N, C-alpha and C. Protein backbone atom coordinates (compact mmCIF):
# COMPACT_ATOMS: atom_id res chain seq x y z
N MET A 1 0.82 -1.20 0.00
CA MET A 1 0.00 0.00 0.00
C MET A 1 0.86 1.26 0.00
N ASN A 2 2.03 1.16 0.65
CA ASN A 2 2.94 2.29 0.71
C ASN A 2 3.44 2.65 -0.68
N GLY A 3 3.69 1.63 -1.53
CA GLY A 3 4.16 1.86 -2.88
C GLY A 3 3.17 2.63 -3.73
N ILE A 4 1.89 2.34 -3.58
CA ILE A 4 0.86 3.04 -4.32
C ILE A 4 0.84 4.51 -3.94
N PHE A 5 0.96 4.79 -2.65
CA PHE A 5 0.94 6.18 -2.18
C PHE A 5 2.17 6.94 -2.70
N ILE A 6 3.33 6.31 -2.69
CA ILE A 6 4.53 6.97 -3.19
C ILE A 6 4.40 7.24 -4.69
N ARG A 7 3.86 6.29 -5.44
CA ARG A 7 3.65 6.50 -6.87
C ARG A 7 2.61 7.60 -7.12
N TRP A 8 1.63 7.68 -6.26
CA TRP A 8 0.62 8.73 -6.35
C TRP A 8 1.29 10.10 -6.15
N LEU A 9 2.20 10.17 -5.19
CA LEU A 9 2.91 11.42 -4.95
C LEU A 9 3.84 11.78 -6.11
N THR A 10 4.46 10.77 -6.73
CA THR A 10 5.32 11.08 -7.87
C THR A 10 4.49 11.59 -9.06
N LEU A 11 3.31 11.03 -9.25
CA LEU A 11 2.43 11.53 -10.31
C LEU A 11 1.96 12.94 -9.99
N THR A 12 1.70 13.22 -8.72
CA THR A 12 1.33 14.57 -8.31
C THR A 12 2.45 15.55 -8.61
N GLY A 13 3.68 15.17 -8.27
CA GLY A 13 4.82 16.02 -8.57
C GLY A 13 5.02 16.22 -10.06
N ALA A 14 4.78 15.17 -10.85
CA ALA A 14 4.90 15.28 -12.30
C ALA A 14 3.86 16.25 -12.87
N ILE A 15 2.66 16.23 -12.33
CA ILE A 15 1.62 17.15 -12.78
C ILE A 15 1.98 18.59 -12.42
N ILE A 16 2.47 18.80 -11.21
CA ILE A 16 2.87 20.16 -10.80
C ILE A 16 4.03 20.66 -11.66
N PHE A 17 5.02 19.80 -11.88
CA PHE A 17 6.17 20.20 -12.69
C PHE A 17 5.76 20.51 -14.12
N THR A 18 4.84 19.73 -14.68
CA THR A 18 4.37 19.97 -16.04
C THR A 18 3.60 21.28 -16.13
N SER A 19 2.88 21.63 -15.07
CA SER A 19 2.16 22.90 -15.09
C SER A 19 3.12 24.09 -15.10
N TYR A 20 4.32 23.92 -14.55
CA TYR A 20 5.32 24.97 -14.63
C TYR A 20 5.97 25.04 -16.02
N LEU A 21 6.05 23.91 -16.71
CA LEU A 21 6.67 23.88 -18.02
C LEU A 21 5.76 24.38 -19.14
N LEU A 22 4.48 24.02 -19.08
CA LEU A 22 3.54 24.37 -20.13
C LEU A 22 2.56 25.43 -19.64
N ASP A 23 2.41 26.47 -20.43
CA ASP A 23 1.50 27.56 -20.05
C ASP A 23 0.04 27.17 -20.14
N GLY A 24 -0.29 26.15 -20.92
CA GLY A 24 -1.68 25.75 -21.11
C GLY A 24 -2.21 24.79 -20.07
N ILE A 25 -1.38 24.39 -19.11
CA ILE A 25 -1.83 23.51 -18.03
C ILE A 25 -1.74 24.30 -16.74
N HIS A 26 -2.88 24.38 -16.04
CA HIS A 26 -2.97 25.20 -14.83
C HIS A 26 -3.38 24.33 -13.64
N VAL A 27 -2.61 24.43 -12.58
CA VAL A 27 -2.92 23.72 -11.34
C VAL A 27 -2.97 24.78 -10.24
N SER A 28 -4.08 24.82 -9.50
CA SER A 28 -4.23 25.86 -8.49
C SER A 28 -3.42 25.58 -7.23
N GLY A 29 -3.05 24.32 -6.99
CA GLY A 29 -2.27 24.02 -5.80
C GLY A 29 -1.99 22.53 -5.68
N PHE A 30 -1.35 22.17 -4.58
CA PHE A 30 -0.98 20.78 -4.37
C PHE A 30 -2.20 19.88 -4.27
N VAL A 31 -3.24 20.35 -3.61
CA VAL A 31 -4.44 19.52 -3.41
C VAL A 31 -5.10 19.21 -4.75
N SER A 32 -5.17 20.19 -5.63
CA SER A 32 -5.75 19.96 -6.96
C SER A 32 -4.91 18.96 -7.74
N ALA A 33 -3.60 19.09 -7.67
CA ALA A 33 -2.72 18.15 -8.36
C ALA A 33 -2.83 16.76 -7.75
N PHE A 34 -2.99 16.69 -6.44
CA PHE A 34 -3.13 15.42 -5.74
C PHE A 34 -4.38 14.68 -6.19
N PHE A 35 -5.51 15.38 -6.27
CA PHE A 35 -6.74 14.76 -6.73
C PHE A 35 -6.72 14.50 -8.24
N ALA A 36 -6.04 15.36 -8.99
CA ALA A 36 -5.90 15.11 -10.43
C ALA A 36 -5.09 13.84 -10.67
N ALA A 37 -4.05 13.62 -9.86
CA ALA A 37 -3.27 12.39 -9.98
C ALA A 37 -4.11 11.18 -9.62
N ALA A 38 -4.96 11.31 -8.62
CA ALA A 38 -5.85 10.20 -8.25
C ALA A 38 -6.84 9.90 -9.37
N MET A 39 -7.42 10.94 -9.94
CA MET A 39 -8.39 10.75 -11.02
C MET A 39 -7.70 10.17 -12.26
N LEU A 40 -6.50 10.65 -12.55
CA LEU A 40 -5.76 10.13 -13.69
C LEU A 40 -5.40 8.66 -13.48
N GLY A 41 -5.05 8.30 -12.27
CA GLY A 41 -4.76 6.90 -11.96
C GLY A 41 -5.99 6.02 -12.13
N ILE A 42 -7.13 6.50 -11.68
CA ILE A 42 -8.38 5.74 -11.82
C ILE A 42 -8.77 5.59 -13.29
N LEU A 43 -8.67 6.70 -14.04
CA LEU A 43 -9.00 6.63 -15.47
C LEU A 43 -8.05 5.70 -16.23
N ASN A 44 -6.76 5.76 -15.89
CA ASN A 44 -5.79 4.88 -16.55
C ASN A 44 -6.03 3.42 -16.20
N ALA A 45 -6.47 3.16 -14.99
CA ALA A 45 -6.70 1.77 -14.58
C ALA A 45 -7.99 1.21 -15.18
N LEU A 46 -9.03 2.02 -15.27
CA LEU A 46 -10.33 1.53 -15.71
C LEU A 46 -10.56 1.64 -17.22
N PHE A 47 -10.24 2.81 -17.78
CA PHE A 47 -10.65 3.07 -19.15
C PHE A 47 -9.53 2.92 -20.18
N ARG A 48 -8.30 3.12 -19.81
CA ARG A 48 -7.21 3.06 -20.78
C ARG A 48 -7.10 1.69 -21.46
N PRO A 49 -7.16 0.58 -20.71
CA PRO A 49 -7.08 -0.72 -21.41
C PRO A 49 -8.23 -0.93 -22.40
N ILE A 50 -9.41 -0.48 -22.04
CA ILE A 50 -10.56 -0.62 -22.94
C ILE A 50 -10.38 0.23 -24.19
N LEU A 51 -9.91 1.48 -23.99
CA LEU A 51 -9.71 2.37 -25.14
C LEU A 51 -8.61 1.85 -26.06
N ILE A 52 -7.55 1.31 -25.49
CA ILE A 52 -6.47 0.77 -26.32
C ILE A 52 -6.96 -0.44 -27.10
N LEU A 53 -7.77 -1.27 -26.47
CA LEU A 53 -8.31 -2.44 -27.16
C LEU A 53 -9.27 -2.02 -28.28
N LEU A 54 -10.12 -1.03 -28.03
CA LEU A 54 -11.07 -0.58 -29.05
C LEU A 54 -10.37 0.11 -30.22
N THR A 55 -9.27 0.77 -29.95
CA THR A 55 -8.56 1.50 -31.01
C THR A 55 -7.34 0.74 -31.51
N LEU A 56 -7.31 -0.55 -31.28
CA LEU A 56 -6.15 -1.36 -31.67
C LEU A 56 -5.81 -1.27 -33.16
N PRO A 57 -6.80 -1.35 -34.07
CA PRO A 57 -6.43 -1.25 -35.50
C PRO A 57 -5.75 0.08 -35.86
N ILE A 58 -6.30 1.19 -35.38
CA ILE A 58 -5.68 2.48 -35.70
C ILE A 58 -4.34 2.63 -34.96
N ASN A 59 -4.25 2.02 -33.80
CA ASN A 59 -2.99 2.05 -33.05
C ASN A 59 -1.91 1.27 -33.78
N ILE A 60 -2.28 0.17 -34.40
CA ILE A 60 -1.31 -0.63 -35.18
C ILE A 60 -0.90 0.14 -36.43
N ILE A 61 -1.86 0.76 -37.10
CA ILE A 61 -1.56 1.51 -38.32
C ILE A 61 -0.62 2.68 -38.01
N THR A 62 -0.83 3.35 -36.89
CA THR A 62 0.00 4.50 -36.53
C THR A 62 1.24 4.11 -35.73
N LEU A 63 1.52 2.82 -35.65
CA LEU A 63 2.69 2.30 -34.94
C LEU A 63 2.71 2.71 -33.46
N GLY A 64 1.54 2.80 -32.88
CA GLY A 64 1.41 3.08 -31.45
C GLY A 64 1.29 4.55 -31.10
N PHE A 65 1.42 5.42 -32.08
CA PHE A 65 1.35 6.85 -31.78
C PHE A 65 -0.05 7.30 -31.37
N PHE A 66 -1.07 6.53 -31.70
CA PHE A 66 -2.43 6.89 -31.28
C PHE A 66 -2.59 6.78 -29.77
N THR A 67 -1.68 6.06 -29.13
CA THR A 67 -1.71 5.97 -27.67
C THR A 67 -1.53 7.35 -27.04
N PHE A 68 -0.76 8.22 -27.71
CA PHE A 68 -0.60 9.58 -27.21
C PHE A 68 -1.93 10.32 -27.20
N VAL A 69 -2.76 10.06 -28.19
CA VAL A 69 -4.08 10.69 -28.25
C VAL A 69 -4.95 10.17 -27.10
N ILE A 70 -4.88 8.88 -26.83
CA ILE A 70 -5.65 8.30 -25.72
C ILE A 70 -5.19 8.90 -24.40
N ASN A 71 -3.88 9.01 -24.20
CA ASN A 71 -3.37 9.61 -22.97
C ASN A 71 -3.82 11.06 -22.83
N ALA A 72 -3.81 11.80 -23.94
CA ALA A 72 -4.25 13.19 -23.91
C ALA A 72 -5.74 13.30 -23.57
N LEU A 73 -6.55 12.41 -24.14
CA LEU A 73 -7.99 12.43 -23.84
C LEU A 73 -8.26 12.12 -22.36
N LEU A 74 -7.50 11.18 -21.80
CA LEU A 74 -7.69 10.86 -20.38
C LEU A 74 -7.22 12.01 -19.50
N LEU A 75 -6.15 12.68 -19.89
CA LEU A 75 -5.69 13.84 -19.12
C LEU A 75 -6.69 14.98 -19.21
N LYS A 76 -7.24 15.20 -20.39
CA LYS A 76 -8.27 16.24 -20.57
C LYS A 76 -9.54 15.89 -19.79
N THR A 77 -9.89 14.61 -19.73
CA THR A 77 -11.05 14.17 -18.94
C THR A 77 -10.81 14.43 -17.45
N ALA A 78 -9.61 14.14 -16.98
CA ALA A 78 -9.29 14.40 -15.57
C ALA A 78 -9.37 15.89 -15.26
N SER A 79 -8.96 16.71 -16.22
CA SER A 79 -9.05 18.16 -15.98
C SER A 79 -10.49 18.65 -15.96
N GLY A 80 -11.38 17.96 -16.67
CA GLY A 80 -12.78 18.34 -16.65
C GLY A 80 -13.48 17.94 -15.37
N VAL A 81 -12.98 16.93 -14.69
CA VAL A 81 -13.61 16.44 -13.47
C VAL A 81 -13.08 17.16 -12.22
N ILE A 82 -11.80 17.47 -12.19
CA ILE A 82 -11.16 18.03 -11.01
C ILE A 82 -11.10 19.54 -11.13
N GLY A 83 -11.65 20.23 -10.15
CA GLY A 83 -11.57 21.68 -10.10
C GLY A 83 -10.17 22.13 -9.70
N GLY A 84 -9.70 23.20 -10.32
CA GLY A 84 -8.36 23.69 -10.03
C GLY A 84 -7.29 23.04 -10.89
N PHE A 85 -7.70 22.16 -11.79
CA PHE A 85 -6.80 21.53 -12.74
C PHE A 85 -7.39 21.72 -14.12
N ASP A 86 -6.80 22.63 -14.90
CA ASP A 86 -7.36 22.99 -16.20
C ASP A 86 -6.31 22.85 -17.30
N ILE A 87 -6.78 22.38 -18.46
CA ILE A 87 -5.94 22.27 -19.65
C ILE A 87 -6.63 23.06 -20.75
N ASP A 88 -5.87 23.97 -21.38
CA ASP A 88 -6.45 24.90 -22.35
C ASP A 88 -6.86 24.27 -23.67
N GLY A 89 -6.19 23.24 -24.13
CA GLY A 89 -6.53 22.67 -25.42
C GLY A 89 -5.97 21.26 -25.58
N PHE A 90 -6.31 20.69 -26.73
CA PHE A 90 -5.92 19.31 -27.00
C PHE A 90 -4.41 19.16 -27.08
N TRP A 91 -3.73 20.09 -27.76
CA TRP A 91 -2.28 19.95 -27.92
C TRP A 91 -1.54 20.13 -26.61
N TYR A 92 -2.05 20.96 -25.73
CA TYR A 92 -1.46 21.05 -24.39
C TYR A 92 -1.65 19.74 -23.64
N ALA A 93 -2.78 19.09 -23.89
CA ALA A 93 -3.02 17.78 -23.26
C ALA A 93 -2.06 16.73 -23.82
N VAL A 94 -1.78 16.78 -25.12
CA VAL A 94 -0.85 15.82 -25.71
C VAL A 94 0.56 16.02 -25.15
N PHE A 95 1.04 17.26 -25.20
CA PHE A 95 2.39 17.52 -24.69
C PHE A 95 2.47 17.32 -23.18
N GLY A 96 1.41 17.69 -22.49
CA GLY A 96 1.37 17.48 -21.04
C GLY A 96 1.40 16.01 -20.68
N SER A 97 0.66 15.19 -21.43
CA SER A 97 0.66 13.75 -21.13
C SER A 97 2.02 13.14 -21.43
N LEU A 98 2.71 13.63 -22.46
CA LEU A 98 4.06 13.14 -22.74
C LEU A 98 5.02 13.47 -21.61
N ILE A 99 4.97 14.70 -21.13
CA ILE A 99 5.87 15.13 -20.06
C ILE A 99 5.54 14.42 -18.76
N ILE A 100 4.26 14.34 -18.43
CA ILE A 100 3.85 13.66 -17.19
C ILE A 100 4.24 12.19 -17.24
N SER A 101 4.04 11.54 -18.39
CA SER A 101 4.41 10.13 -18.51
C SER A 101 5.91 9.93 -18.36
N ALA A 102 6.69 10.79 -18.97
CA ALA A 102 8.15 10.66 -18.90
C ALA A 102 8.66 10.87 -17.47
N ILE A 103 8.15 11.89 -16.81
CA ILE A 103 8.59 12.17 -15.43
C ILE A 103 8.14 11.05 -14.49
N SER A 104 6.91 10.60 -14.64
CA SER A 104 6.41 9.52 -13.79
C SER A 104 7.19 8.24 -14.01
N TRP A 105 7.46 7.92 -15.26
CA TRP A 105 8.24 6.72 -15.56
C TRP A 105 9.63 6.80 -14.94
N LEU A 106 10.26 7.95 -15.08
CA LEU A 106 11.60 8.12 -14.54
C LEU A 106 11.61 7.98 -13.02
N LEU A 107 10.70 8.67 -12.35
CA LEU A 107 10.67 8.61 -10.89
C LEU A 107 10.23 7.24 -10.39
N ASN A 108 9.25 6.64 -11.04
CA ASN A 108 8.75 5.34 -10.59
C ASN A 108 9.71 4.19 -10.89
N SER A 109 10.67 4.41 -11.76
CA SER A 109 11.65 3.36 -12.03
C SER A 109 12.57 3.14 -10.83
N PHE A 110 12.61 4.09 -9.91
CA PHE A 110 13.43 3.95 -8.72
C PHE A 110 12.66 3.46 -7.51
N ILE A 111 11.36 3.20 -7.67
CA ILE A 111 10.52 2.84 -6.54
C ILE A 111 10.08 1.38 -6.67
N THR A 112 10.22 0.62 -5.58
CA THR A 112 9.80 -0.77 -5.57
C THR A 112 8.30 -0.85 -5.28
N GLU A 113 7.77 -2.07 -5.28
CA GLU A 113 6.35 -2.25 -4.99
C GLU A 113 6.02 -1.88 -3.55
N ARG A 114 7.00 -1.99 -2.67
CA ARG A 114 6.78 -1.64 -1.26
C ARG A 114 6.92 -0.16 -1.00
N GLY A 115 7.39 0.60 -1.98
CA GLY A 115 7.49 2.04 -1.82
C GLY A 115 8.87 2.51 -1.43
N SER A 116 9.84 1.63 -1.40
CA SER A 116 11.19 2.05 -1.07
C SER A 116 11.99 2.28 -2.34
N VAL A 117 13.14 2.89 -2.17
CA VAL A 117 13.99 3.16 -3.31
C VAL A 117 14.65 1.87 -3.76
N SER A 118 14.62 1.62 -5.06
CA SER A 118 15.19 0.41 -5.62
C SER A 118 16.68 0.62 -5.86
N TYR A 119 17.49 -0.27 -5.31
CA TYR A 119 18.92 -0.19 -5.53
C TYR A 119 19.33 -0.97 -6.76
N HIS A 120 18.42 -1.69 -7.37
CA HIS A 120 18.73 -2.48 -8.56
C HIS A 120 18.38 -1.72 -9.83
N SER A 121 18.07 -0.44 -9.71
CA SER A 121 17.76 0.35 -10.89
C SER A 121 19.00 0.77 -11.65
N TYR A 122 20.13 0.61 -11.02
CA TYR A 122 21.39 0.91 -11.69
C TYR A 122 22.31 -0.27 -11.49
N HIS A 123 23.40 -0.29 -12.19
CA HIS A 123 24.33 -1.40 -12.04
C HIS A 123 25.75 -0.87 -11.91
N ARG A 124 26.58 -1.64 -11.23
CA ARG A 124 27.98 -1.29 -11.07
C ARG A 124 28.78 -2.07 -12.10
N VAL A 125 29.66 -1.38 -12.78
CA VAL A 125 30.44 -2.01 -13.82
C VAL A 125 31.89 -2.04 -13.37
N ASP A 126 32.54 -3.19 -13.56
CA ASP A 126 33.95 -3.33 -13.23
C ASP A 126 34.76 -2.62 -14.31
N PRO A 127 35.52 -1.57 -13.96
CA PRO A 127 36.24 -0.82 -14.99
C PRO A 127 37.31 -1.64 -15.69
N GLY A 128 37.82 -2.69 -15.06
CA GLY A 128 38.85 -3.52 -15.68
C GLY A 128 38.29 -4.62 -16.55
N SER A 129 36.99 -4.69 -16.66
CA SER A 129 36.35 -5.76 -17.41
C SER A 129 36.52 -5.54 -18.91
N PRO A 130 36.74 -6.61 -19.68
CA PRO A 130 36.80 -6.43 -21.13
C PRO A 130 35.43 -6.10 -21.72
N TYR A 131 34.38 -6.25 -20.92
CA TYR A 131 33.02 -5.92 -21.35
C TYR A 131 32.49 -4.84 -20.42
N PRO A 132 32.91 -3.57 -20.58
CA PRO A 132 32.54 -2.54 -19.61
C PRO A 132 31.06 -2.18 -19.59
N ASN A 133 30.32 -2.50 -20.65
CA ASN A 133 28.90 -2.15 -20.68
C ASN A 133 28.00 -3.27 -20.17
N ARG A 134 28.56 -4.40 -19.81
CA ARG A 134 27.76 -5.52 -19.34
C ARG A 134 27.48 -5.34 -17.85
N ALA A 135 26.22 -5.40 -17.47
CA ALA A 135 25.83 -5.24 -16.07
C ALA A 135 25.96 -6.55 -15.33
N ARG A 136 26.20 -6.46 -14.03
CA ARG A 136 26.20 -7.66 -13.19
C ARG A 136 24.77 -8.05 -12.91
N HIS A 137 24.49 -9.33 -12.95
CA HIS A 137 23.17 -9.82 -12.61
C HIS A 137 23.09 -9.93 -11.10
N GLU A 138 21.97 -9.55 -10.51
CA GLU A 138 21.87 -9.51 -9.05
C GLU A 138 22.01 -10.88 -8.40
N ASN A 139 21.69 -11.96 -9.11
CA ASN A 139 21.84 -13.29 -8.53
C ASN A 139 23.26 -13.82 -8.66
N GLN A 140 24.06 -13.24 -9.52
CA GLN A 140 25.42 -13.71 -9.69
C GLN A 140 26.33 -13.21 -8.57
N VAL A 141 26.10 -12.00 -8.10
CA VAL A 141 26.95 -11.43 -7.07
C VAL A 141 26.08 -11.11 -5.87
N LYS A 142 26.26 -11.85 -4.79
CA LYS A 142 25.46 -11.63 -3.60
C LYS A 142 26.10 -10.61 -2.67
N ASN A 143 27.43 -10.60 -2.63
CA ASN A 143 28.15 -9.73 -1.75
C ASN A 143 29.26 -9.07 -2.55
N GLU A 144 29.56 -7.82 -2.27
CA GLU A 144 30.58 -7.11 -3.01
C GLU A 144 31.97 -7.71 -2.79
N ASN A 145 32.18 -8.42 -1.67
CA ASN A 145 33.48 -9.00 -1.38
C ASN A 145 33.69 -10.35 -2.06
N ASP A 146 32.64 -10.98 -2.54
CA ASP A 146 32.75 -12.26 -3.23
C ASP A 146 33.13 -12.00 -4.68
N THR A 147 34.38 -12.31 -5.02
CA THR A 147 34.85 -12.10 -6.38
C THR A 147 35.51 -13.36 -6.91
N ILE A 148 35.54 -13.48 -8.19
CA ILE A 148 36.23 -14.57 -8.87
C ILE A 148 37.24 -13.93 -9.81
N ASP A 149 38.49 -14.27 -9.63
CA ASP A 149 39.53 -13.73 -10.50
C ASP A 149 39.76 -14.68 -11.66
N LEU A 150 39.62 -14.18 -12.87
CA LEU A 150 39.85 -14.98 -14.06
C LEU A 150 40.94 -14.29 -14.88
N GLU A 151 41.69 -15.08 -15.58
CA GLU A 151 42.75 -14.56 -16.44
C GLU A 151 42.53 -15.09 -17.84
N ASN A 152 42.63 -14.21 -18.83
CA ASN A 152 42.43 -14.57 -20.22
C ASN A 152 43.69 -15.28 -20.70
N LYS A 153 43.56 -16.55 -21.06
CA LYS A 153 44.68 -17.36 -21.53
C LYS A 153 44.77 -17.39 -23.06
N GLY A 154 43.99 -16.58 -23.71
CA GLY A 154 43.99 -16.53 -25.17
C GLY A 154 43.03 -17.56 -25.73
N ASP A 155 42.73 -17.46 -27.01
CA ASP A 155 41.83 -18.38 -27.70
C ASP A 155 40.51 -18.54 -26.96
N ASP A 156 40.00 -17.44 -26.41
CA ASP A 156 38.74 -17.41 -25.68
C ASP A 156 38.70 -18.35 -24.49
N ARG A 157 39.84 -18.60 -23.89
CA ARG A 157 39.93 -19.43 -22.69
C ARG A 157 40.17 -18.55 -21.48
N TRP A 158 39.40 -18.78 -20.46
CA TRP A 158 39.55 -18.05 -19.19
C TRP A 158 39.83 -19.04 -18.10
N GLU A 159 40.84 -18.79 -17.29
CA GLU A 159 41.16 -19.65 -16.15
C GLU A 159 41.37 -18.83 -14.92
């Protein structure tokens, strides 16, 4: 339950931040953004899957870009229901939904289901590794002190 509340707060922050970036999105205060985030969460949970399923052919034809229209319509619907949260037009809703989605995705990528910060959202890379971009798998290394030293013997042999 704590995770849901933290995600709700991140969506609230994303809405407030987007209102500062775009002139066509107006939020009267934290409480309006808080309820707008709740309404947006409810609309996304109940109606978004149905709308995506109903618009699947056009979504396939547009290579998924019609999803932006669905997100904008849900954001515009939330602004119509919640007082103190207003969007001036459709294009502000499109750009606002893009910004809100990006910020929410970024912030929520660091939050676990329990609501704590996820330490597995990033990876540590061994600078001496011949594969510097390869991440360590969390099940391979349990403790930072547990290491295996290998030496390249040539011909793709490691000992």
